[in-house]
Amino acid sequence: MKKTEQLFESLMFQSRWLLAPFFFGLIIAIMAMLVKFGKQLFTLVLALFGAAEHDVIISILTLIDTALVASLLLIIAFSGYENFVSKIGTGEHEDRPAWMGKVGFSDLKIKLMGAIVAISAVELLKAFINADNLTNTQLGWRAGIHLVFVVSGVLFAITDKITEGKDGGH
């Protein structure tokens, strides 16, 4: 019976590698975001002298939005891989991000929520800049959705703080 238990536990432990393709897929998604970013940047440069000021600002906000999403994907891919699959063996490489190896699942949720709020804020700002093309109802819905994200983020942080206090930070 002990051998069966050891085999089962070994299979369970090795099954963590089933997550690796998900995290690799996020890296591929970053490449897709790079293509989108390049296309948007190229469009911005071509239209720079002929576009209205608010169109330029919206294009720049779209670039920021894309960079935020790509950064979020990288954080999720690295942190998720290190938390659930295996440590990334970069040693003491000088370019190793300071947060690598230090972002736990709880931290990852907070970073994810913070990034969602930031992305939502950029989208809301784009909507307000382009308010002439939207109804008050549409603007209200966007502001309301953003507010839900903000409140959710605060509640996540409060919940993590309470949980952290209960178990001594573990």
C-alpha atoms as a PDB file:
ATOM      1  CA  MET A   1       0.000   0.000   0.000  1.00  0.00           C
ATOM      2  CA  LYS A   2       2.888   2.363   0.781  1.00  0.00           C
ATOM      3  CA  LYS A   3       4.316   1.904  -2.752  1.00  0.00           C
ATOM      4  CA  THR A   4       0.916   2.752  -4.265  1.00  0.00           C
ATOM      5  CA  GLU A   5       0.741   5.859  -2.124  1.00  0.00           C
ATOM      6  CA  GLN A   6       4.272   6.914  -3.124  1.00  0.00           C
ATOM      7  CA  LEU A   7       3.500   6.336  -6.813  1.00  0.00           C
ATOM      8  CA  PHE A   8       0.283   8.332  -6.543  1.00  0.00           C
ATOM      9  CA  GLU A   9       2.039  11.207  -4.736  1.00  0.00           C
ATOM     10  CA  SER A  10       4.848  11.187  -7.282  1.00  0.00           C
ATOM     11  CA  LEU A  11       2.329  11.398 -10.141  1.00  0.00           C
ATOM     12  CA  MET A  12       0.506  14.199  -8.345  1.00  0.00           C
ATOM     13  CA  PHE A  13       3.739  16.111  -7.887  1.00  0.00           C
ATOM     14  CA  GLN A  14       4.817  15.588 -11.507  1.00  0.00           C
ATOM     15  CA  SER A  15       1.392  16.721 -12.757  1.00  0.00           C
ATOM     16  CA  ARG A  16       2.416  20.310 -12.009  1.00  0.00           C
ATOM     17  CA  TRP A  17       4.209  20.198 -15.368  1.00  0.00           C
ATOM     18  CA  LEU A  18       0.799  20.146 -17.054  1.00  0.00           C
ATOM     19  CA  LEU A  19       0.661  23.871 -16.220  1.00  0.00           C
ATOM     20  CA  ALA A  20       3.883  24.679 -18.096  1.00  0.00           C
ATOM     21  CA  PRO A  21       2.203  24.951 -21.539  1.00  0.00           C
ATOM     22  CA  PHE A  22      -0.245  27.497 -20.108  1.00  0.00           C
ATOM     23  CA  PHE A  23       2.585  29.740 -18.953  1.00  0.00           C
ATOM     24  CA  PHE A  24       4.436  29.265 -22.256  1.00  0.00           C
ATOM     25  CA  GLY A  25       1.201  30.223 -24.021  1.00  0.00           C
ATOM     26  CA  LEU A  26       1.229  33.501 -22.098  1.00  0.00           C
ATOM     27  CA  ILE A  27       4.707  34.213 -23.500  1.00  0.00           C
ATOM     28  CA  ILE A  28       3.296  33.625 -26.996  1.00  0.00           C
ATOM     29  CA  ALA A  29       0.464  36.027 -26.109  1.00  0.00           C
ATOM     30  CA  ILE A  30       3.120  38.641 -25.235  1.00  0.00           C
ATOM     31  CA  MET A  31       4.505  38.202 -28.748  1.00  0.00           C
ATOM     32  CA  ALA A  32       0.996  38.830 -30.108  1.00  0.00           C
ATOM     33  CA  MET A  33       0.809  41.976 -27.950  1.00  0.00           C
ATOM     34  CA  LEU A  34       4.171  43.074 -29.394  1.00  0.00           C
ATOM     35  CA  VAL A  35       2.745  42.795 -32.908  1.00  0.00           C
ATOM     36  CA  LYS A  36      -0.313  44.805 -31.830  1.00  0.00           C
ATOM     37  CA  PHE A  37       1.939  47.395 -30.166  1.00  0.00           C
ATOM     38  CA  GLY A  38       4.121  47.700 -33.281  1.00  0.00           C
ATOM     39  CA  LYS A  39       1.082  48.128 -35.502  1.00  0.00           C
ATOM     40  CA  GLN A  40      -0.364  50.819 -33.217  1.00  0.00           C
ATOM     41  CA  LEU A  41       2.997  52.615 -32.975  1.00  0.00           C
ATOM     42  CA  PHE A  42       3.408  52.537 -36.759  1.00  0.00           C
ATOM     43  CA  THR A  43      -0.116  53.949 -37.184  1.00  0.00           C
ATOM     44  CA  LEU A  44       0.637  56.685 -34.639  1.00  0.00           C
ATOM     45  CA  VAL A  45       3.863  57.714 -36.357  1.00  0.00           C
ATOM     46  CA  LEU A  46       2.156  57.845 -39.782  1.00  0.00           C
ATOM     47  CA  ALA A  47      -0.771  59.893 -38.485  1.00  0.00           C
ATOM     48  CA  LEU A  48       1.249  62.104 -36.142  1.00  0.00           C
ATOM     49  CA  PHE A  49       1.104  65.288 -38.209  1.00  0.00           C
ATOM     50  CA  GLY A  50      -2.358  64.820 -39.631  1.00  0.00           C
ATOM     51  CA  ALA A  51      -4.277  63.535 -36.634  1.00  0.00           C
ATOM     52  CA  ALA A  52      -6.210  65.587 -34.125  1.00  0.00           C
ATOM     53  CA  GLU A  53      -4.630  65.972 -30.681  1.00  0.00           C
ATOM     54  CA  HIS A  54      -7.190  63.758 -28.972  1.00  0.00           C
ATOM     55  CA  ASP A  55      -6.581  61.005 -31.560  1.00  0.00           C
ATOM     56  CA  VAL A  56      -2.850  61.126 -30.787  1.00  0.00           C
ATOM     57  CA  ILE A  57      -3.573  60.938 -27.047  1.00  0.00           C
ATOM     58  CA  ILE A  58      -5.921  57.989 -27.563  1.00  0.00           C
ATOM     59  CA  SER A  59      -3.248  56.217 -29.635  1.00  0.00           C
ATOM     60  CA  ILE A  60      -0.662  56.819 -26.909  1.00  0.00           C
ATOM     61  CA  LEU A  61      -3.084  55.561 -24.247  1.00  0.00           C
ATOM     62  CA  THR A  62      -3.635  52.448 -26.361  1.00  0.00           C
ATOM     63  CA  LEU A  63       0.138  51.903 -26.422  1.00  0.00           C
ATOM     64  CA  ILE A  64       0.241  52.266 -22.624  1.00  0.00           C
ATOM     65  CA  ASP A  65      -2.682  49.869 -22.319  1.00  0.00           C
ATOM     66  CA  THR A  66      -0.910  47.302 -24.489  1.00  0.00           C
ATOM     67  CA  ALA A  67       2.316  47.628 -22.495  1.00  0.00           C
ATOM     68  CA  LEU A  68       0.390  47.150 -19.231  1.00  0.00           C
ATOM     69  CA  VAL A  69      -1.300  44.000 -20.518  1.00  0.00           C
ATOM     70  CA  ALA A  70       2.014  42.597 -21.795  1.00  0.00           C
ATOM     71  CA  SER A  71       3.694  43.324 -18.448  1.00  0.00           C
ATOM     72  CA  LEU A  72       0.828  41.655 -16.638  1.00  0.00           C
ATOM     73  CA  LEU A  73       1.166  38.576 -18.848  1.00  0.00           C
ATOM     74  CA  LEU A  74       4.887  38.397 -18.060  1.00  0.00           C
ATOM     75  CA  ILE A  75       4.312  38.675 -14.315  1.00  0.00           C
ATOM     76  CA  ILE A  76       1.649  35.974 -14.427  1.00  0.00           C
ATOM     77  CA  ALA A  77       3.766  33.674 -16.609  1.00  0.00           C
ATOM     78  CA  PHE A  78       6.935  33.993 -14.497  1.00  0.00           C
ATOM     79  CA  SER A  79       5.243  33.996 -11.107  1.00  0.00           C
ATOM     80  CA  GLY A  80       2.800  31.257 -11.999  1.00  0.00           C
ATOM     81  CA  TYR A  81       5.574  29.063 -13.350  1.00  0.00           C
ATOM     82  CA  GLU A  82       7.774  29.655 -10.281  1.00  0.00           C
ATOM     83  CA  ASN A  83       4.899  29.158  -7.822  1.00  0.00           C
ATOM     84  CA  PHE A  84       3.305  26.107  -9.387  1.00  0.00           C
ATOM     85  CA  VAL A  85       5.813  24.372 -11.675  1.00  0.00           C
ATOM     86  CA  SER A  86       9.513  24.974 -11.023  1.00  0.00           C
ATOM     87  CA  LYS A  87      11.991  27.695 -10.125  1.00  0.00           C
ATOM     88  CA  ILE A  88      13.455  29.536 -13.101  1.00  0.00           C
ATOM     89  CA  GLY A  89      17.191  28.916 -12.955  1.00  0.00           C
ATOM     90  CA  THR A  90      18.673  32.300 -13.766  1.00  0.00           C
ATOM     91  CA  GLY A  91      21.032  32.242 -10.806  1.00  0.00           C
ATOM     92  CA  GLU A  92      22.182  35.703  -9.888  1.00  0.00           C
ATOM     93  CA  HIS A  93      21.815  37.120 -13.409  1.00  0.00           C
ATOM     94  CA  GLU A  94      22.056  40.902 -13.308  1.00  0.00           C
ATOM     95  CA  ASP A  95      18.873  41.317 -15.354  1.00  0.00           C
ATOM     96  CA  ARG A  96      16.738  39.057 -13.162  1.00  0.00           C
ATOM     97  CA  PRO A  97      13.691  41.119 -12.136  1.00  0.00           C
ATOM     98  CA  ALA A  98      13.721  41.894  -8.394  1.00  0.00           C
ATOM     99  CA  TRP A  99      10.201  40.495  -7.947  1.00  0.00           C
ATOM    100  CA  MET A 100      11.009  37.056  -9.434  1.00  0.00           C
ATOM    101  CA  GLY A 101      10.864  34.353  -6.826  1.00  0.00           C
ATOM    102  CA  LYS A 102       9.196  36.706  -4.364  1.00  0.00           C
ATOM    103  CA  VAL A 103       5.687  36.983  -5.796  1.00  0.00           C
ATOM    104  CA  GLY A 104       3.438  34.464  -4.090  1.00  0.00           C
ATOM    105  CA  PHE A 105      -0.081  33.544  -5.107  1.00  0.00           C
ATOM    106  CA  SER A 106      -1.558  36.233  -2.857  1.00  0.00           C
ATOM    107  CA  ASP A 107       0.813  38.865  -4.267  1.00  0.00           C
ATOM    108  CA  LEU A 108      -0.024  37.703  -7.768  1.00  0.00           C
ATOM    109  CA  LYS A 109      -3.750  38.261  -7.148  1.00  0.00           C
ATOM    110  CA  ILE A 110      -3.077  41.791  -5.894  1.00  0.00           C
ATOM    111  CA  LYS A 111      -0.771  42.573  -8.840  1.00  0.00           C
ATOM    112  CA  LEU A 112      -3.380  41.182 -11.234  1.00  0.00           C
ATOM    113  CA  MET A 113      -6.114  43.291  -9.679  1.00  0.00           C
ATOM    114  CA  GLY A 114      -3.891  46.388  -9.695  1.00  0.00           C
ATOM    115  CA  ALA A 115      -3.105  45.868 -13.369  1.00  0.00           C
ATOM    116  CA  ILE A 116      -6.790  45.375 -14.190  1.00  0.00           C
ATOM    117  CA  VAL A 117      -7.619  48.635 -12.401  1.00  0.00           C
ATOM    118  CA  ALA A 118      -4.816  50.437 -14.270  1.00  0.00           C
ATOM    119  CA  ILE A 119      -5.961  49.037 -17.624  1.00  0.00           C
ATOM    120  CA  SER A 120      -9.551  49.968 -16.794  1.00  0.00           C
ATOM    121  CA  ALA A 121      -8.440  53.496 -15.876  1.00  0.00           C
ATOM    122  CA  VAL A 122      -6.661  53.878 -19.216  1.00  0.00           C
ATOM    123  CA  GLU A 123      -9.749  52.623 -21.052  1.00  0.00           C
ATOM    124  CA  LEU A 124     -11.959  55.012 -19.049  1.00  0.00           C
ATOM    125  CA  LEU A 125      -9.651  57.935 -19.841  1.00  0.00           C
ATOM    126  CA  LYS A 126      -9.813  57.015 -23.525  1.00  0.00           C
ATOM    127  CA  ALA A 127     -13.618  56.974 -23.283  1.00  0.00           C
ATOM    128  CA  PHE A 128     -13.723  60.404 -21.643  1.00  0.00           C
ATOM    129  CA  ILE A 129     -11.359  61.852 -24.255  1.00  0.00           C
ATOM    130  CA  ASN A 130     -13.626  60.397 -26.922  1.00  0.00           C
ATOM    131  CA  ALA A 131     -16.811  61.391 -25.019  1.00  0.00           C
ATOM    132  CA  ASP A 132     -18.310  63.162 -28.024  1.00  0.00           C
ATOM    133  CA  ASN A 133     -18.899  59.766 -29.632  1.00  0.00           C
ATOM    134  CA  LEU A 134     -20.482  58.166 -26.535  1.00  0.00           C
ATOM    135  CA  THR A 135     -23.738  58.676 -24.706  1.00  0.00           C
ATOM    136  CA  ASN A 136     -23.882  59.580 -21.026  1.00  0.00           C
ATOM    137  CA  THR A 137     -25.225  56.093 -20.357  1.00  0.00           C
ATOM    138  CA  GLN A 138     -22.220  54.504 -22.059  1.00  0.00           C
ATOM    139  CA  LEU A 139     -19.824  56.721 -20.088  1.00  0.00           C
ATOM    140  CA  GLY A 140     -21.714  55.936 -16.885  1.00  0.00           C
ATOM    141  CA  TRP A 141     -21.449  52.209 -17.482  1.00  0.00           C
ATOM    142  CA  ARG A 142     -17.716  52.466 -18.130  1.00  0.00           C
ATOM    143  CA  ALA A 143     -17.192  54.548 -15.004  1.00  0.00           C
ATOM    144  CA  GLY A 144     -19.328  52.108 -13.010  1.00  0.00           C
ATOM    145  CA  ILE A 145     -17.400  49.100 -14.264  1.00  0.00           C
ATOM    146  CA  HIS A 146     -14.124  50.845 -13.397  1.00  0.00           C
ATOM    147  CA  LEU A 147     -15.460  51.577  -9.913  1.00  0.00           C
ATOM    148  CA  VAL A 148     -16.329  47.885  -9.483  1.00  0.00           C
ATOM    149  CA  PHE A 149     -12.730  46.995 -10.371  1.00  0.00           C
ATOM    150  CA  VAL A 150     -11.373  49.566  -7.900  1.00  0.00           C
ATOM    151  CA  VAL A 151     -13.632  48.348  -5.078  1.00  0.00           C
ATOM    152  CA  SER A 152     -12.797  44.713  -5.892  1.00  0.00           C
ATOM    153  CA  GLY A 153      -9.085  45.534  -5.748  1.00  0.00           C
ATOM    154  CA  VAL A 154      -9.477  47.203  -2.367  1.00  0.00           C
ATOM    155  CA  LEU A 155     -11.483  44.240  -1.073  1.00  0.00           C
ATOM    156  CA  PHE A 156      -8.826  41.813  -2.330  1.00  0.00           C
ATOM    157  CA  ALA A 157      -6.148  43.811  -0.518  1.00  0.00           C
ATOM    158  CA  ILE A 158      -8.172  43.975   2.693  1.00  0.00           C
ATOM    159  CA  THR A 159      -8.909  40.247   2.545  1.00  0.00           C
ATOM    160  CA  ASP A 160      -5.222  39.448   2.039  1.00  0.00           C
ATOM    161  CA  LYS A 161      -4.255  41.752   4.906  1.00  0.00           C
ATOM    162  CA  ILE A 162      -6.751  40.038   7.223  1.00  0.00           C
ATOM    163  CA  THR A 163      -5.602  36.579   6.105  1.00  0.00           C
ATOM    164  CA  GLU A 164      -1.951  37.559   6.530  1.00  0.00           C
ATOM    165  CA  GLY A 165      -2.636  38.699  10.096  1.00  0.00           C
ATOM    166  CA  LYS A 166      -4.336  35.421  11.029  1.00  0.00           C
ATOM    167  CA  ASP A 167      -1.569  33.033  10.038  1.00  0.00           C
ATOM    168  CA  GLY A 168       1.478  35.119  10.801  1.00  0.00           C
ATOM    169  CA  GLY A 169       2.141  36.052   7.165  1.00  0.00           C
ATOM    170  CA  HIS A 170       2.295  32.492   5.772  1.00  0.00           C
END
